[in-house]
Amino acid sequence: MSKISRFTGKVVTLAKSAVGGRGESAAPQGGSGFADYAVVSLHCLRIYLEKSYREALDLLSEMPQILAEIGLEKADLPDHSTLVKAFDRIKMAVWRVLLRLSAQLHEPSDHAAMDATFFDRENASKHYCRRTNYRVQTLKTTALVDTASQAVLDVHCTTEKRHDTQLGWQLASRNAGELHSLAADKGYDWQQLRDKLREEGVRSLIKHREFRPIDHAHNARIDGTLYRQRALSETVFSVIKRTLDDAVRARSWYREFREIVLMCAVYNIKRAVS
């Protein structure tokens, strides 16, 4: 069985779990639209193949075995514009559930690392930028990564200039029940964040910025082996950008967020089936 076939089989299973459409026909029947799990599967394959909407559908039209995994035939494939509109129709909650399910394909270690990177927003025309007030050229993405499996557990995106500590707490609070310890660099140095993590039973491995002797003392007590594993989050970002994409192609903010979450889910599934 080829890698793409194994990937597709896993994607379809997770997509059905994410949308709850296990008994639904993938192709349109009787005036109804495509099943949500079929749409999610096609978008995952688009990211996996690293192609545009048009190019991905052209390639899939020559892969009857892969389409059969989804429950489609060549004649069933939608127009690329239909797939674009379907991307907007699927709620953000579904993409988040898909990410969570993809992370569960890996054996968790209870130790996570957190870091941020920037994805470029594809350059638009000057006319489009003026018309839509499209000024921010990068998308700040913060990811929570399991250090043992290097699976992405959760992700947060923003175009605003919010401090790392605030973003870090949002991610940590959503996943605190599944973590034993959390490592992050000095950009997340905020005592309230450490206190909140402690209240949730999570061991904080966040170094202090060293202004006073006591800051040096706090840093010396941190488990160096676990703390150094925070660099694995940078490794994950590097792999995603190198093997999937280093930029988001969508124009609107909500589509870009979906693209990032989808890329992280595809990354998790690729690691699980490789």
Protein backbone atom coordinates (compact mmCIF):
# COMPACT_ATOMS: atom_id res chain seq x y z
CA MET A 1 0.00 0.00 0.00
CA SER A 2 1.40 3.41 -1.00
CA LYS A 3 1.95 6.27 1.43
CA ILE A 4 -0.80 8.37 -0.12
CA SER A 5 -3.23 5.45 0.16
CA ARG A 6 -2.40 4.93 3.84
CA PHE A 7 -2.69 8.68 4.40
CA THR A 8 -6.08 8.84 2.67
CA GLY A 9 -7.46 5.89 4.62
CA LYS A 10 -6.46 7.52 7.91
CA VAL A 11 -7.80 10.92 6.84
CA VAL A 12 -11.20 9.51 5.90
CA THR A 13 -11.50 7.72 9.25
CA LEU A 14 -10.60 10.87 11.21
CA ALA A 15 -12.80 13.09 9.04
CA LYS A 16 -15.82 10.88 9.66
CA SER A 17 -15.16 11.04 13.40
CA ALA A 18 -14.72 14.83 13.29
CA VAL A 19 -17.96 15.57 11.43
CA GLY A 20 -20.04 12.60 12.60
CA GLY A 21 -20.94 11.48 9.07
CA ARG A 22 -20.13 7.78 9.12
CA GLY A 23 -23.27 6.64 7.28
CA GLU A 24 -23.52 9.48 4.78
CA SER A 25 -22.80 9.07 1.07
CA ALA A 26 -19.72 11.05 -0.01
CA ALA A 27 -21.02 12.15 -3.42
CA PRO A 28 -24.07 14.43 -3.87
CA GLN A 29 -27.34 12.51 -4.16
CA GLY A 30 -30.87 13.75 -4.68
CA GLY A 31 -29.92 17.40 -4.74
CA SER A 32 -27.81 17.27 -1.57
CA GLY A 33 -24.23 18.45 -1.42
CA PHE A 34 -21.01 16.59 -0.76
CA ALA A 35 -20.68 14.93 2.62
CA ASP A 36 -18.65 16.99 5.06
CA TYR A 37 -16.16 14.17 5.61
CA ALA A 38 -15.53 14.02 1.84
CA VAL A 39 -14.85 17.76 1.74
CA VAL A 40 -12.49 17.53 4.73
CA SER A 41 -10.68 14.58 3.10
CA LEU A 42 -10.24 16.45 -0.20
CA HIS A 43 -8.79 19.46 1.60
CA CYS A 44 -6.36 17.26 3.52
CA LEU A 45 -5.21 15.72 0.24
CA ARG A 46 -4.81 19.21 -1.26
CA ILE A 47 -2.42 20.11 1.54
CA TYR A 48 -0.68 16.72 1.37
CA LEU A 49 -0.09 17.06 -2.37
CA GLU A 50 1.12 20.67 -1.94
CA LYS A 51 -1.03 21.83 -4.84
CA SER A 52 -3.56 24.55 -5.55
CA TYR A 53 -7.28 23.72 -5.67
CA ARG A 54 -7.25 23.25 -9.46
CA GLU A 55 -4.01 21.25 -9.53
CA ALA A 56 -5.04 18.97 -6.65
CA LEU A 57 -8.36 18.09 -8.30
CA ASP A 58 -6.61 17.44 -11.61
CA LEU A 59 -4.19 15.04 -9.92
CA LEU A 60 -6.93 13.27 -7.97
CA SER A 61 -8.93 12.75 -11.16
CA GLU A 62 -6.09 10.42 -12.23
CA MET A 63 -6.13 8.52 -8.92
CA PRO A 64 -9.28 6.34 -8.91
CA GLN A 65 -8.00 4.20 -6.03
CA ILE A 66 -7.52 7.24 -3.81
CA LEU A 67 -10.96 8.60 -4.73
CA ALA A 68 -12.48 5.21 -3.94
CA GLU A 69 -11.04 5.48 -0.40
CA ILE A 70 -13.19 8.59 0.05
CA GLY A 71 -16.22 7.09 -1.69
CA LEU A 72 -15.97 9.17 -4.85
CA GLU A 73 -15.47 8.57 -8.54
CA LYS A 74 -13.77 10.79 -11.11
CA ALA A 75 -17.15 12.09 -12.31
CA ASP A 76 -18.04 13.09 -8.74
CA LEU A 77 -15.15 15.49 -8.26
CA PRO A 78 -16.37 19.04 -7.62
CA ASP A 79 -15.26 22.18 -9.41
CA HIS A 80 -12.44 23.98 -7.62
CA SER A 81 -14.78 26.89 -6.75
CA THR A 82 -17.15 24.45 -5.03
CA LEU A 83 -14.28 23.16 -2.92
CA VAL A 84 -13.29 26.72 -1.97
CA LYS A 85 -16.84 27.54 -0.83
CA ALA A 86 -17.05 24.25 1.07
CA PHE A 87 -13.88 25.21 2.97
CA ASP A 88 -15.74 28.22 4.35
CA ARG A 89 -18.84 26.19 5.12
CA ILE A 90 -17.06 23.73 7.43
CA LYS A 91 -17.04 25.22 10.93
CA MET A 92 -13.75 26.02 12.66
CA ALA A 93 -14.70 23.58 15.40
CA VAL A 94 -14.48 20.69 12.92
CA TRP A 95 -10.91 21.59 11.92
CA ARG A 96 -9.95 21.83 15.59
CA VAL A 97 -11.46 18.42 16.31
CA LEU A 98 -9.55 17.01 13.32
CA LEU A 99 -6.31 18.43 14.76
CA ARG A 100 -7.04 16.92 18.15
CA LEU A 101 -7.86 13.51 16.66
CA SER A 102 -4.70 13.59 14.53
CA ALA A 103 -2.61 14.30 17.63
CA GLN A 104 -4.18 11.28 19.35
CA LEU A 105 -2.67 9.03 16.67
CA HIS A 106 0.62 9.49 18.56
CA GLU A 107 1.57 8.23 22.01
CA PRO A 108 1.50 11.26 24.36
CA SER A 109 4.34 11.95 26.80
CA ASP A 110 2.57 14.49 29.07
CA HIS A 111 5.44 16.91 28.40
CA ALA A 112 4.90 19.70 25.87
CA ALA A 113 6.79 22.68 24.50
CA MET A 114 5.41 25.96 23.24
CA ASP A 115 6.83 28.40 20.72
CA ALA A 116 5.76 30.82 17.99
CA THR A 117 6.67 31.40 14.37
CA PHE A 118 5.44 33.53 11.49
CA PHE A 119 3.82 32.37 8.26
CA ASP A 120 3.86 34.75 5.33
CA ARG A 121 0.55 35.90 3.97
CA GLU A 122 0.66 35.56 0.19
CA ASN A 123 1.22 38.91 -1.50
CA ALA A 124 -1.96 40.42 -2.86
CA SER A 125 -2.33 43.17 -5.45
CA LYS A 126 -2.00 46.76 -4.29
CA HIS A 127 -5.61 47.37 -5.32
CA TYR A 128 -6.79 44.48 -3.14
CA CYS A 129 -4.69 45.67 -0.20
CA ARG A 130 -6.16 49.19 -0.40
CA ARG A 131 -9.72 47.92 -0.79
CA THR A 132 -9.60 45.50 2.14
CA ASN A 133 -7.12 47.29 4.42
CA TYR A 134 -4.81 44.26 4.02
CA ARG A 135 -1.71 45.56 5.78
CA VAL A 136 -0.34 42.80 8.01
CA GLN A 137 1.96 40.59 5.91
CA THR A 138 2.60 37.81 8.43
CA LEU A 139 0.48 35.50 10.54
CA LYS A 140 1.81 34.80 14.03
CA THR A 141 1.32 31.13 14.91
CA THR A 142 1.86 29.65 18.37
CA ALA A 143 1.90 25.88 18.66
CA LEU A 144 1.81 23.44 21.56
CA VAL A 145 3.92 20.39 20.66
CA ASP A 146 4.30 17.03 22.39
CA THR A 147 8.06 16.63 22.74
CA ALA A 148 8.16 12.82 22.53
CA SER A 149 6.07 12.33 19.39
CA GLN A 150 6.55 15.86 17.98
CA ALA A 151 2.82 15.97 17.30
CA VAL A 152 1.06 19.34 17.27
CA LEU A 153 -1.48 19.31 20.11
CA ASP A 154 -2.98 22.76 19.61
CA VAL A 155 -2.36 25.95 17.67
CA HIS A 156 -3.25 29.63 17.94
CA CYS A 157 -3.03 32.24 15.15
CA THR A 158 -3.26 36.02 15.23
CA THR A 159 -2.45 39.09 13.15
CA GLU A 160 -2.51 41.30 16.24
CA LYS A 161 0.49 42.35 18.32
CA ARG A 162 -0.41 40.35 21.40
CA HIS A 163 2.26 39.33 23.87
CA ASP A 164 3.49 35.73 23.90
CA THR A 165 2.44 35.28 27.53
CA GLN A 166 -1.23 35.97 26.76
CA LEU A 167 -1.23 33.61 23.78
CA GLY A 168 0.64 31.02 25.80
CA TRP A 169 -1.97 30.98 28.53
CA GLN A 170 -4.78 30.47 26.00
CA LEU A 171 -3.06 27.39 24.63
CA ALA A 172 -2.02 26.05 28.02
CA SER A 173 -5.45 26.50 29.61
CA ARG A 174 -7.15 24.53 26.82
CA ASN A 175 -4.77 21.60 27.27
CA ALA A 176 -3.78 21.79 30.95
CA GLY A 177 -5.66 18.60 31.87
CA GLU A 178 -3.45 16.54 29.54
CA LEU A 179 -0.07 18.01 30.52
CA HIS A 180 2.38 17.23 33.29
CA SER A 181 4.95 19.87 32.33
CA LEU A 182 5.29 22.69 29.83
CA ALA A 183 8.52 24.23 28.50
CA ALA A 184 8.85 27.61 26.81
CA ASP A 185 11.56 30.21 26.31
CA LYS A 186 12.01 33.53 28.13
CA GLY A 187 9.48 35.22 25.86
CA TYR A 188 6.82 33.55 28.01
CA ASP A 189 8.32 34.85 31.27
CA TRP A 190 5.23 35.89 33.22
CA GLN A 191 4.73 34.97 36.86
CA GLN A 192 0.96 34.84 36.52
CA LEU A 193 1.36 32.26 33.75
CA ARG A 194 3.53 30.12 36.03
CA ASP A 195 1.00 30.49 38.88
CA LYS A 196 -1.91 29.55 36.64
CA LEU A 197 -0.07 26.49 35.37
CA ARG A 198 0.73 25.45 38.93
CA GLU A 199 -2.98 25.77 39.85
CA GLU A 200 -3.79 23.41 36.98
CA GLY A 201 -1.20 20.90 38.17
CA VAL A 202 1.22 21.63 35.31
CA ARG A 203 4.93 21.94 36.06
CA SER A 204 6.25 25.18 34.56
CA LEU A 205 9.59 25.02 32.72
CA ILE A 206 9.76 28.66 31.68
CA LYS A 207 13.02 30.46 32.36
CA HIS A 208 13.11 33.88 34.01
CA ARG A 209 14.70 36.86 32.31
CA GLU A 210 17.76 37.45 34.46
CA PHE A 211 17.58 40.86 36.10
CA ARG A 212 18.30 39.82 39.71
CA PRO A 213 20.31 37.08 41.45
CA ILE A 214 17.07 35.30 42.36
CA ASP A 215 16.26 34.97 38.65
CA HIS A 216 19.54 33.10 38.13
CA ALA A 217 18.64 30.86 41.08
CA HIS A 218 15.19 30.06 39.65
CA ASN A 219 16.69 29.16 36.27
CA ALA A 220 19.32 26.93 37.87
CA ARG A 221 16.57 24.78 39.42
CA ILE A 222 14.86 24.06 36.09
CA ASP A 223 15.31 20.54 34.74
CA GLY A 224 17.79 21.19 31.92
CA THR A 225 16.99 18.01 29.99
CA LEU A 226 13.27 18.74 29.79
CA TYR A 227 13.79 22.44 29.15
CA ARG A 228 16.07 21.83 26.17
CA GLN A 229 13.31 19.81 24.53
CA ARG A 230 11.47 23.05 23.86
CA ALA A 231 13.63 23.34 20.73
CA LEU A 232 11.58 20.49 19.24
CA SER A 233 8.73 22.95 18.63
CA GLU A 234 11.05 24.85 16.30
CA THR A 235 11.86 21.56 14.56
CA VAL A 236 8.15 20.94 13.99
CA PHE A 237 7.67 24.38 12.46
CA SER A 238 10.66 23.80 10.20
CA VAL A 239 9.26 20.48 8.94
CA ILE A 240 5.80 21.94 8.28
CA LYS A 241 7.21 24.87 6.34
CA ARG A 242 9.63 22.69 4.37
CA THR A 243 7.28 19.83 3.50
CA LEU A 244 3.87 21.53 3.34
CA ASP A 245 4.07 25.31 2.97
CA ASP A 246 5.68 28.37 4.52
CA ALA A 247 2.87 30.73 3.53
CA VAL A 248 -0.92 30.86 3.66
CA ARG A 249 -2.61 31.42 0.32
CA ALA A 250 -6.08 32.46 1.48
CA ARG A 251 -6.92 36.15 1.51
CA SER A 252 -9.30 36.35 4.48
CA TRP A 253 -8.24 35.93 8.09
CA TYR A 254 -10.66 33.13 8.95
CA ARG A 255 -9.53 31.08 5.95
CA GLU A 256 -5.87 31.57 6.88
CA PHE A 257 -6.52 30.27 10.40
CA ARG A 258 -8.23 27.19 8.96
CA GLU A 259 -5.27 26.64 6.61
CA ILE A 260 -2.80 26.63 9.51
CA VAL A 261 -4.88 24.23 11.61
CA LEU A 262 -5.34 21.98 8.58
CA MET A 263 -1.59 21.98 7.83
CA CYS A 264 -0.85 20.94 11.43
CA ALA A 265 -3.41 18.12 11.22
CA VAL A 266 -1.95 16.88 7.92
CA TYR A 267 1.54 17.02 9.46
CA ASN A 268 0.36 14.83 12.38
CA ILE A 269 -1.28 12.29 10.07
CA LYS A 270 1.75 12.11 7.78
CA ARG A 271 3.98 11.31 10.76
CA ALA A 272 1.55 8.66 11.97
CA VAL A 273 1.40 6.77 8.66
CA SER A 274 5.04 7.14 7.61
